[in-house]
Amino acid sequence: MRFWLLGMAERAMENSGKIMKELIELQQKIIQLLKENNGEMEERKVCALLGITSYEIPWGYNIGWARCIQSNQKYHLILSGQ
């Protein structure tokens, strides 16, 4: 029983590491897209180019961009510091 639990814990740690790596890669791709487009891009276009939904965009403290609603009622991602 003890070894089974140890194996489960190891697999959970491996999966957690993979998820973090994927999130970091996605974050870098989004930042690169924004840099290539003068620091701002419509959220819908970012999602379309990366093949993700808006719910899959990573959010958090010091992430590198902000989600802002524009006067045309569309959300844009804007690089932090822009």
PDB file of N, CA and C in Angstrom:
ATOM      1  N   MET A   1       0.821  -1.197   0.000  1.00  0.00           N
ATOM      2  CA  MET A   1       0.000   0.000   0.000  1.00  0.00           C
ATOM      3  C   MET A   1       0.866   1.262   0.000  1.00  0.00           C
ATOM      4  N   ARG A   2       1.925   1.225   0.794  1.00  0.00           N
ATOM      5  CA  ARG A   2       2.797   2.389   0.910  1.00  0.00           C
ATOM      6  C   ARG A   2       3.433   2.740  -0.441  1.00  0.00           C
ATOM      7  N   PHE A   3       3.871   1.711  -1.178  1.00  0.00           N
ATOM      8  CA  PHE A   3       4.525   1.962  -2.464  1.00  0.00           C
ATOM      9  C   PHE A   3       3.539   2.471  -3.511  1.00  0.00           C
ATOM     10  N   TRP A   4       2.301   2.004  -3.420  1.00  0.00           N
ATOM     11  CA  TRP A   4       1.257   2.473  -4.330  1.00  0.00           C
ATOM     12  C   TRP A   4       1.021   3.967  -4.125  1.00  0.00           C
ATOM     13  N   LEU A   5       0.935   4.407  -2.872  1.00  0.00           N
ATOM     14  CA  LEU A   5       0.739   5.821  -2.572  1.00  0.00           C
ATOM     15  C   LEU A   5       1.925   6.650  -3.026  1.00  0.00           C
ATOM     16  N   LEU A   6       3.127   6.118  -2.848  1.00  0.00           N
ATOM     17  CA  LEU A   6       4.329   6.820  -3.291  1.00  0.00           C
ATOM     18  C   LEU A   6       4.308   6.998  -4.810  1.00  0.00           C
ATOM     19  N   GLY A   7       3.880   5.952  -5.527  1.00  0.00           N
ATOM     20  CA  GLY A   7       3.779   6.041  -6.987  1.00  0.00           C
ATOM     21  C   GLY A   7       2.758   7.077  -7.423  1.00  0.00           C
ATOM     22  N   MET A   8       1.642   7.136  -6.718  1.00  0.00           N
ATOM     23  CA  MET A   8       0.610   8.128  -7.028  1.00  0.00           C
ATOM     24  C   MET A   8       1.145   9.539  -6.806  1.00  0.00           C
ATOM     25  N   ALA A   9       1.874   9.741  -5.724  1.00  0.00           N
ATOM     26  CA  ALA A   9       2.438  11.060  -5.421  1.00  0.00           C
ATOM     27  C   ALA A   9       3.456  11.460  -6.490  1.00  0.00           C
ATOM     28  N   GLU A  10       4.274  10.519  -6.927  1.00  0.00           N
ATOM     29  CA  GLU A  10       5.263  10.809  -7.966  1.00  0.00           C
ATOM     30  C   GLU A  10       4.578  11.201  -9.274  1.00  0.00           C
ATOM     31  N   ARG A  11       3.535  10.478  -9.653  1.00  0.00           N
ATOM     32  CA  ARG A  11       2.802  10.812 -10.886  1.00  0.00           C
ATOM     33  C   ARG A  11       2.140  12.179 -10.786  1.00  0.00           C
ATOM     34  N   ALA A  12       1.608  12.503  -9.629  1.00  0.00           N
ATOM     35  CA  ALA A  12       0.983  13.817  -9.441  1.00  0.00           C
ATOM     36  C   ALA A  12       2.020  14.923  -9.590  1.00  0.00           C
ATOM     37  N   MET A  13       3.206  14.726  -9.054  1.00  0.00           N
ATOM     38  CA  MET A  13       4.281  15.723  -9.169  1.00  0.00           C
ATOM     39  C   MET A  13       4.711  15.877 -10.629  1.00  0.00           C
ATOM     40  N   GLU A  14       4.809  14.775 -11.359  1.00  0.00           N
ATOM     41  CA  GLU A  14       5.192  14.830 -12.764  1.00  0.00           C
ATOM     42  C   GLU A  14       4.156  15.604 -13.572  1.00  0.00           C
ATOM     43  N   ASN A  15       2.873  15.304 -13.341  1.00  0.00           N
ATOM     44  CA  ASN A  15       1.799  16.001 -14.060  1.00  0.00           C
ATOM     45  C   ASN A  15       1.786  17.480 -13.729  1.00  0.00           C
ATOM     46  N   SER A  16       2.016  17.823 -12.483  1.00  0.00           N
ATOM     47  CA  SER A  16       2.049  19.225 -12.069  1.00  0.00           C
ATOM     48  C   SER A  16       3.167  19.962 -12.787  1.00  0.00           C
ATOM     49  N   GLY A  17       4.320  19.330 -12.893  1.00  0.00           N
ATOM     50  CA  GLY A  17       5.455  19.939 -13.597  1.00  0.00           C
ATOM     51  C   GLY A  17       5.159  20.147 -15.074  1.00  0.00           C
ATOM     52  N   LYS A  18       4.486  19.186 -15.702  1.00  0.00           N
ATOM     53  CA  LYS A  18       4.129  19.302 -17.117  1.00  0.00           C
ATOM     54  C   LYS A  18       3.155  20.451 -17.334  1.00  0.00           C
ATOM     55  N   ILE A  19       2.178  20.563 -16.444  1.00  0.00           N
ATOM     56  CA  ILE A  19       1.187  21.629 -16.577  1.00  0.00           C
ATOM     57  C   ILE A  19       1.851  22.989 -16.425  1.00  0.00           C
ATOM     58  N   MET A  20       2.752  23.129 -15.455  1.00  0.00           N
ATOM     59  CA  MET A  20       3.444  24.397 -15.253  1.00  0.00           C
ATOM     60  C   MET A  20       4.294  24.744 -16.480  1.00  0.00           C
ATOM     61  N   LYS A  21       4.954  23.754 -17.046  1.00  0.00           N
ATOM     62  CA  LYS A  21       5.777  23.986 -18.233  1.00  0.00           C
ATOM     63  C   LYS A  21       4.901  24.448 -19.402  1.00  0.00           C
ATOM     64  N   GLU A  22       3.742  23.817 -19.577  1.00  0.00           N
ATOM     65  CA  GLU A  22       2.826  24.207 -20.652  1.00  0.00           C
ATOM     66  C   GLU A  22       2.310  25.635 -20.451  1.00  0.00           C
ATOM     67  N   LEU A  23       1.997  25.999 -19.204  1.00  0.00           N
ATOM     68  CA  LEU A  23       1.522  27.351 -18.925  1.00  0.00           C
ATOM     69  C   LEU A  23       2.602  28.392 -19.198  1.00  0.00           C
ATOM     70  N   ILE A  24       3.834  28.078 -18.837  1.00  0.00           N
ATOM     71  CA  ILE A  24       4.941  29.010 -19.093  1.00  0.00           C
ATOM     72  C   ILE A  24       5.153  29.176 -20.588  1.00  0.00           C
ATOM     73  N   GLU A  25       5.086  28.077 -21.341  1.00  0.00           N
ATOM     74  CA  GLU A  25       5.235  28.156 -22.796  1.00  0.00           C
ATOM     75  C   GLU A  25       4.114  28.983 -23.413  1.00  0.00           C
ATOM     76  N   LEU A  26       2.888  28.794 -22.944  1.00  0.00           N
ATOM     77  CA  LEU A  26       1.752  29.563 -23.453  1.00  0.00           C
ATOM     78  C   LEU A  26       1.922  31.043 -23.118  1.00  0.00           C
ATOM     79  N   GLN A  27       2.367  31.328 -21.909  1.00  0.00           N
ATOM     80  CA  GLN A  27       2.605  32.712 -21.504  1.00  0.00           C
ATOM     81  C   GLN A  27       3.640  33.364 -22.425  1.00  0.00           C
ATOM     82  N   GLN A  28       4.714  32.657 -22.730  1.00  0.00           N
ATOM     83  CA  GLN A  28       5.752  33.198 -23.605  1.00  0.00           C
ATOM     84  C   GLN A  28       5.219  33.435 -25.022  1.00  0.00           C
ATOM     85  N   LYS A  29       4.369  32.542 -25.509  1.00  0.00           N
ATOM     86  CA  LYS A  29       3.784  32.714 -26.848  1.00  0.00           C
ATOM     87  C   LYS A  29       2.886  33.945 -26.893  1.00  0.00           C
ATOM     88  N   ILE A  30       2.088  34.138 -25.852  1.00  0.00           N
ATOM     89  CA  ILE A  30       1.198  35.300 -25.812  1.00  0.00           C
ATOM     90  C   ILE A  30       2.011  36.588 -25.765  1.00  0.00           C
ATOM     91  N   ILE A  31       3.032  36.630 -24.937  1.00  0.00           N
ATOM     92  CA  ILE A  31       3.877  37.824 -24.846  1.00  0.00           C
ATOM     93  C   ILE A  31       4.546  38.104 -26.192  1.00  0.00           C
ATOM     94  N   GLN A  32       5.013  37.069 -26.867  1.00  0.00           N
ATOM     95  CA  GLN A  32       5.643  37.251 -28.177  1.00  0.00           C
ATOM     96  C   GLN A  32       4.647  37.811 -29.193  1.00  0.00           C
ATOM     97  N   LEU A  33       3.423  37.275 -29.211  1.00  0.00           N
ATOM     98  CA  LEU A  33       2.390  37.798 -30.111  1.00  0.00           C
ATOM     99  C   LEU A  33       2.117  39.276 -29.841  1.00  0.00           C
ATOM    100  N   LEU A  34       2.002  39.627 -28.563  1.00  0.00           N
ATOM    101  CA  LEU A  34       1.728  41.024 -28.220  1.00  0.00           C
ATOM    102  C   LEU A  34       2.883  41.923 -28.631  1.00  0.00           C
ATOM    103  N   LYS A  35       4.109  41.476 -28.435  1.00  0.00           N
ATOM    104  CA  LYS A  35       5.275  42.268 -28.838  1.00  0.00           C
ATOM    105  C   LYS A  35       5.290  42.488 -30.349  1.00  0.00           C
ATOM    106  N   GLU A  36       4.891  41.480 -31.100  1.00  0.00           N
ATOM    107  CA  GLU A  36       4.877  41.575 -32.562  1.00  0.00           C
ATOM    108  C   GLU A  36       3.748  42.472 -33.065  1.00  0.00           C
ATOM    109  N   ASN A  37       2.788  42.795 -32.208  1.00  0.00           N
ATOM    110  CA  ASN A  37       1.633  43.604 -32.601  1.00  0.00           C
ATOM    111  C   ASN A  37       1.525  44.876 -31.770  1.00  0.00           C
ATOM    112  N   ASN A  38       2.648  45.536 -31.566  1.00  0.00           N
ATOM    113  CA  ASN A  38       2.718  46.823 -30.861  1.00  0.00           C
ATOM    114  C   ASN A  38       2.162  46.771 -29.441  1.00  0.00           C
ATOM    115  N   GLY A  39       2.253  45.618 -28.796  1.00  0.00           N
ATOM    116  CA  GLY A  39       1.871  45.498 -27.400  1.00  0.00           C
ATOM    117  C   GLY A  39       0.391  45.346 -27.133  1.00  0.00           C
ATOM    118  N   GLU A  40      -0.421  45.225 -28.169  1.00  0.00           N
ATOM    119  CA  GLU A  40      -1.868  45.118 -27.978  1.00  0.00           C
ATOM    120  C   GLU A  40      -2.476  44.262 -29.082  1.00  0.00           C
ATOM    121  N   MET A  41      -3.442  43.436 -28.678  1.00  0.00           N
ATOM    122  CA  MET A  41      -4.098  42.575 -29.655  1.00  0.00           C
ATOM    123  C   MET A  41      -5.459  42.162 -29.117  1.00  0.00           C
ATOM    124  N   GLU A  42      -6.417  42.019 -30.007  1.00  0.00           N
ATOM    125  CA  GLU A  42      -7.741  41.578 -29.603  1.00  0.00           C
ATOM    126  C   GLU A  42      -7.652  40.155 -29.051  1.00  0.00           C
ATOM    127  N   GLU A  43      -8.297  39.945 -27.917  1.00  0.00           N
ATOM    128  CA  GLU A  43      -8.242  38.652 -27.236  1.00  0.00           C
ATOM    129  C   GLU A  43      -8.697  37.514 -28.152  1.00  0.00           C
ATOM    130  N   ARG A  44      -9.737  37.746 -28.908  1.00  0.00           N
ATOM    131  CA  ARG A  44     -10.275  36.727 -29.828  1.00  0.00           C
ATOM    132  C   ARG A  44      -9.218  36.281 -30.846  1.00  0.00           C
ATOM    133  N   LYS A  45      -8.426  37.239 -31.356  1.00  0.00           N
ATOM    134  CA  LYS A  45      -7.392  36.913 -32.342  1.00  0.00           C
ATOM    135  C   LYS A  45      -6.243  36.132 -31.716  1.00  0.00           C
ATOM    136  N   VAL A  46      -5.875  36.498 -30.492  1.00  0.00           N
ATOM    137  CA  VAL A  46      -4.830  35.758 -29.787  1.00  0.00           C
ATOM    138  C   VAL A  46      -5.260  34.304 -29.632  1.00  0.00           C
ATOM    139  N   CYS A  47      -6.493  34.111 -29.202  1.00  0.00           N
ATOM    140  CA  CYS A  47      -7.023  32.759 -29.006  1.00  0.00           C
ATOM    141  C   CYS A  47      -7.062  31.980 -30.321  1.00  0.00           C
ATOM    142  N   ALA A  48      -7.488  32.639 -31.384  1.00  0.00           N
ATOM    143  CA  ALA A  48      -7.573  31.967 -32.684  1.00  0.00           C
ATOM    144  C   ALA A  48      -6.187  31.536 -33.172  1.00  0.00           C
ATOM    145  N   LEU A  49      -5.205  32.405 -33.021  1.00  0.00           N
ATOM    146  CA  LEU A  49      -3.846  32.086 -33.475  1.00  0.00           C
ATOM    147  C   LEU A  49      -3.217  30.954 -32.665  1.00  0.00           C
ATOM    148  N   LEU A  50      -3.543  30.887 -31.385  1.00  0.00           N
ATOM    149  CA  LEU A  50      -2.944  29.865 -30.523  1.00  0.00           C
ATOM    150  C   LEU A  50      -3.806  28.616 -30.381  1.00  0.00           C
ATOM    151  N   GLY A  51      -5.024  28.650 -30.934  1.00  0.00           N
ATOM    152  CA  GLY A  51      -5.907  27.489 -30.858  1.00  0.00           C
ATOM    153  C   GLY A  51      -6.405  27.206 -29.444  1.00  0.00           C
ATOM    154  N   ILE A  52      -6.694  28.277 -28.699  1.00  0.00           N
ATOM    155  CA  ILE A  52      -7.187  28.140 -27.321  1.00  0.00           C
ATOM    156  C   ILE A  52      -8.467  28.949 -27.159  1.00  0.00           C
ATOM    157  N   THR A  53      -9.110  28.797 -26.004  1.00  0.00           N
ATOM    158  CA  THR A  53     -10.263  29.629 -25.677  1.00  0.00           C
ATOM    159  C   THR A  53      -9.818  30.712 -24.706  1.00  0.00           C
ATOM    160  N   SER A  54     -10.665  31.704 -24.509  1.00  0.00           N
ATOM    161  CA  SER A  54     -10.304  32.788 -23.588  1.00  0.00           C
ATOM    162  C   SER A  54     -10.158  32.271 -22.157  1.00  0.00           C
ATOM    163  N   TYR A  55     -10.808  31.165 -21.842  1.00  0.00           N
ATOM    164  CA  TYR A  55     -10.697  30.583 -20.507  1.00  0.00           C
ATOM    165  C   TYR A  55      -9.349  29.906 -20.276  1.00  0.00           C
ATOM    166  N   GLU A  56      -8.631  29.615 -21.349  1.00  0.00           N
ATOM    167  CA  GLU A  56      -7.325  28.961 -21.230  1.00  0.00           C
ATOM    168  C   GLU A  56      -6.169  29.957 -21.125  1.00  0.00           C
ATOM    169  N   ILE A  57      -6.452  31.235 -21.286  1.00  0.00           N
ATOM    170  CA  ILE A  57      -5.407  32.249 -21.150  1.00  0.00           C
ATOM    171  C   ILE A  57      -5.001  32.315 -19.682  1.00  0.00           C
ATOM    172  N   PRO A  58      -3.702  32.172 -19.408  1.00  0.00           N
ATOM    173  CA  PRO A  58      -3.275  32.240 -18.003  1.00  0.00           C
ATOM    174  C   PRO A  58      -3.454  33.650 -17.433  1.00  0.00           C
ATOM    175  N   TRP A  59      -3.934  33.728 -16.192  1.00  0.00           N
ATOM    176  CA  TRP A  59      -4.112  34.997 -15.500  1.00  0.00           C
ATOM    177  C   TRP A  59      -3.443  34.904 -14.151  1.00  0.00           C
ATOM    178  N   GLY A  60      -3.005  36.031 -13.652  1.00  0.00           N
ATOM    179  CA  GLY A  60      -2.424  36.047 -12.318  1.00  0.00           C
ATOM    180  C   GLY A  60      -1.600  37.292 -12.102  1.00  0.00           C
ATOM    181  N   TYR A  61      -1.014  37.361 -10.951  1.00  0.00           N
ATOM    182  CA  TYR A  61      -0.185  38.497 -10.578  1.00  0.00           C
ATOM    183  C   TYR A  61       1.082  38.506 -11.430  1.00  0.00           C
ATOM    184  N   ASN A  62       1.412  39.662 -11.987  1.00  0.00           N
ATOM    185  CA  ASN A  62       2.650  39.854 -12.751  1.00  0.00           C
ATOM    186  C   ASN A  62       2.756  38.881 -13.931  1.00  0.00           C
ATOM    187  N   ILE A  63       1.659  38.680 -14.642  1.00  0.00           N
ATOM    188  CA  ILE A  63       1.619  37.721 -15.744  1.00  0.00           C
ATOM    189  C   ILE A  63       2.254  38.282 -17.018  1.00  0.00           C
ATOM    190  N   GLY A  64       2.219  39.602 -17.201  1.00  0.00           N
ATOM    191  CA  GLY A  64       2.849  40.202 -18.374  1.00  0.00           C
ATOM    192  C   GLY A  64       1.888  40.970 -19.252  1.00  0.00           C
ATOM    193  N   TRP A  65       0.591  40.855 -19.004  1.00  0.00           N
ATOM    194  CA  TRP A  65      -0.393  41.587 -19.799  1.00  0.00           C
ATOM    195  C   TRP A  65      -1.646  41.839 -18.967  1.00  0.00           C
ATOM    196  N   ALA A  66      -2.486  42.698 -19.499  1.00  0.00           N
ATOM    197  CA  ALA A  66      -3.773  42.997 -18.862  1.00  0.00           C
ATOM    198  C   ALA A  66      -4.880  42.754 -19.878  1.00  0.00           C
ATOM    199  N   ARG A  67      -6.043  42.392 -19.391  1.00  0.00           N
ATOM    200  CA  ARG A  67      -7.226  42.215 -20.244  1.00  0.00           C
ATOM    201  C   ARG A  67      -8.076  43.467 -20.075  1.00  0.00           C
ATOM    202  N   CYS A  68      -8.265  44.198 -21.176  1.00  0.00           N
ATOM    203  CA  CYS A  68      -8.989  45.470 -21.115  1.00  0.00           C
ATOM    204  C   CYS A  68     -10.120  45.471 -22.133  1.00  0.00           C
ATOM    205  N   ILE A  69     -11.275  45.980 -21.709  1.00  0.00           N
ATOM    206  CA  ILE A  69     -12.399  46.103 -22.642  1.00  0.00           C
ATOM    207  C   ILE A  69     -12.266  47.455 -23.349  1.00  0.00           C
ATOM    208  N   GLN A  70     -12.458  47.437 -24.642  1.00  0.00           N
ATOM    209  CA  GLN A  70     -12.316  48.633 -25.455  1.00  0.00           C
ATOM    210  C   GLN A  70     -13.692  49.264 -25.697  1.00  0.00           C
ATOM    211  N   SER A  71     -13.693  50.443 -26.277  1.00  0.00           N
ATOM    212  CA  SER A  71     -14.955  51.148 -26.528  1.00  0.00           C
ATOM    213  C   SER A  71     -15.862  50.394 -27.500  1.00  0.00           C
ATOM    214  N   ASN A  72     -15.276  49.524 -28.313  1.00  0.00           N
ATOM    215  CA  ASN A  72     -16.084  48.728 -29.239  1.00  0.00           C
ATOM    216  C   ASN A  72     -16.601  47.434 -28.589  1.00  0.00           C
ATOM    217  N   GLN A  73     -16.485  47.342 -27.246  1.00  0.00           N
ATOM    218  CA  GLN A  73     -16.968  46.208 -26.458  1.00  0.00           C
ATOM    219  C   GLN A  73     -16.231  44.908 -26.748  1.00  0.00           C
ATOM    220  N   LYS A  74     -14.983  45.001 -27.210  1.00  0.00           N
ATOM    221  CA  LYS A  74     -14.154  43.816 -27.431  1.00  0.00           C
ATOM    222  C   LYS A  74     -12.986  43.863 -26.462  1.00  0.00           C
ATOM    223  N   TYR A  75     -12.628  42.696 -25.949  1.00  0.00           N
ATOM    224  CA  TYR A  75     -11.500  42.615 -25.033  1.00  0.00           C
ATOM    225  C   TYR A  75     -10.191  42.572 -25.797  1.00  0.00           C
ATOM    226  N   HIS A  76      -9.211  43.289 -25.289  1.00  0.00           N
ATOM    227  CA  HIS A  76      -7.866  43.290 -25.840  1.00  0.00           C
ATOM    228  C   HIS A  76      -6.898  42.875 -24.746  1.00  0.00           C
ATOM    229  N   LEU A  77      -5.825  42.227 -25.162  1.00  0.00           N
ATOM    230  CA  LEU A  77      -4.725  41.951 -24.251  1.00  0.00           C
ATOM    231  C   LEU A  77      -3.683  43.035 -24.515  1.00  0.00           C
ATOM    232  N   ILE A  78      -3.200  43.668 -23.457  1.00  0.00           N
ATOM    233  CA  ILE A  78      -2.227  44.750 -23.582  1.00  0.00           C
ATOM    234  C   ILE A  78      -1.043  44.411 -22.693  1.00  0.00           C
ATOM    235  N   LEU A  79       0.152  44.489 -23.273  1.00  0.00           N
ATOM    236  CA  LEU A  79       1.355  44.205 -22.503  1.00  0.00           C
ATOM    237  C   LEU A  79       1.445  45.132 -21.303  1.00  0.00           C
ATOM    238  N   SER A  80       1.887  44.615 -20.192  1.00  0.00           N
ATOM    239  CA  SER A  80       2.105  45.442 -19.018  1.00  0.00           C
ATOM    240  C   SER A  80       3.178  46.476 -19.316  1.00  0.00           C
ATOM    241  N   GLY A  81       2.962  47.682 -18.841  1.00  0.00           N
ATOM    242  CA  GLY A  81       3.935  48.743 -19.070  1.00  0.00           C
ATOM    243  C   GLY A  81       3.732  49.485 -20.373  1.00  0.00           C
ATOM    244  N   GLN A  82       2.705  49.141 -21.131  1.00  0.00           N
ATOM    245  CA  GLN A  82       2.430  49.817 -22.415  1.00  0.00           C
ATOM    246  C   GLN A  82       1.574  51.023 -22.202  1.00  0.00           C
TER     247      GLN A  82
END
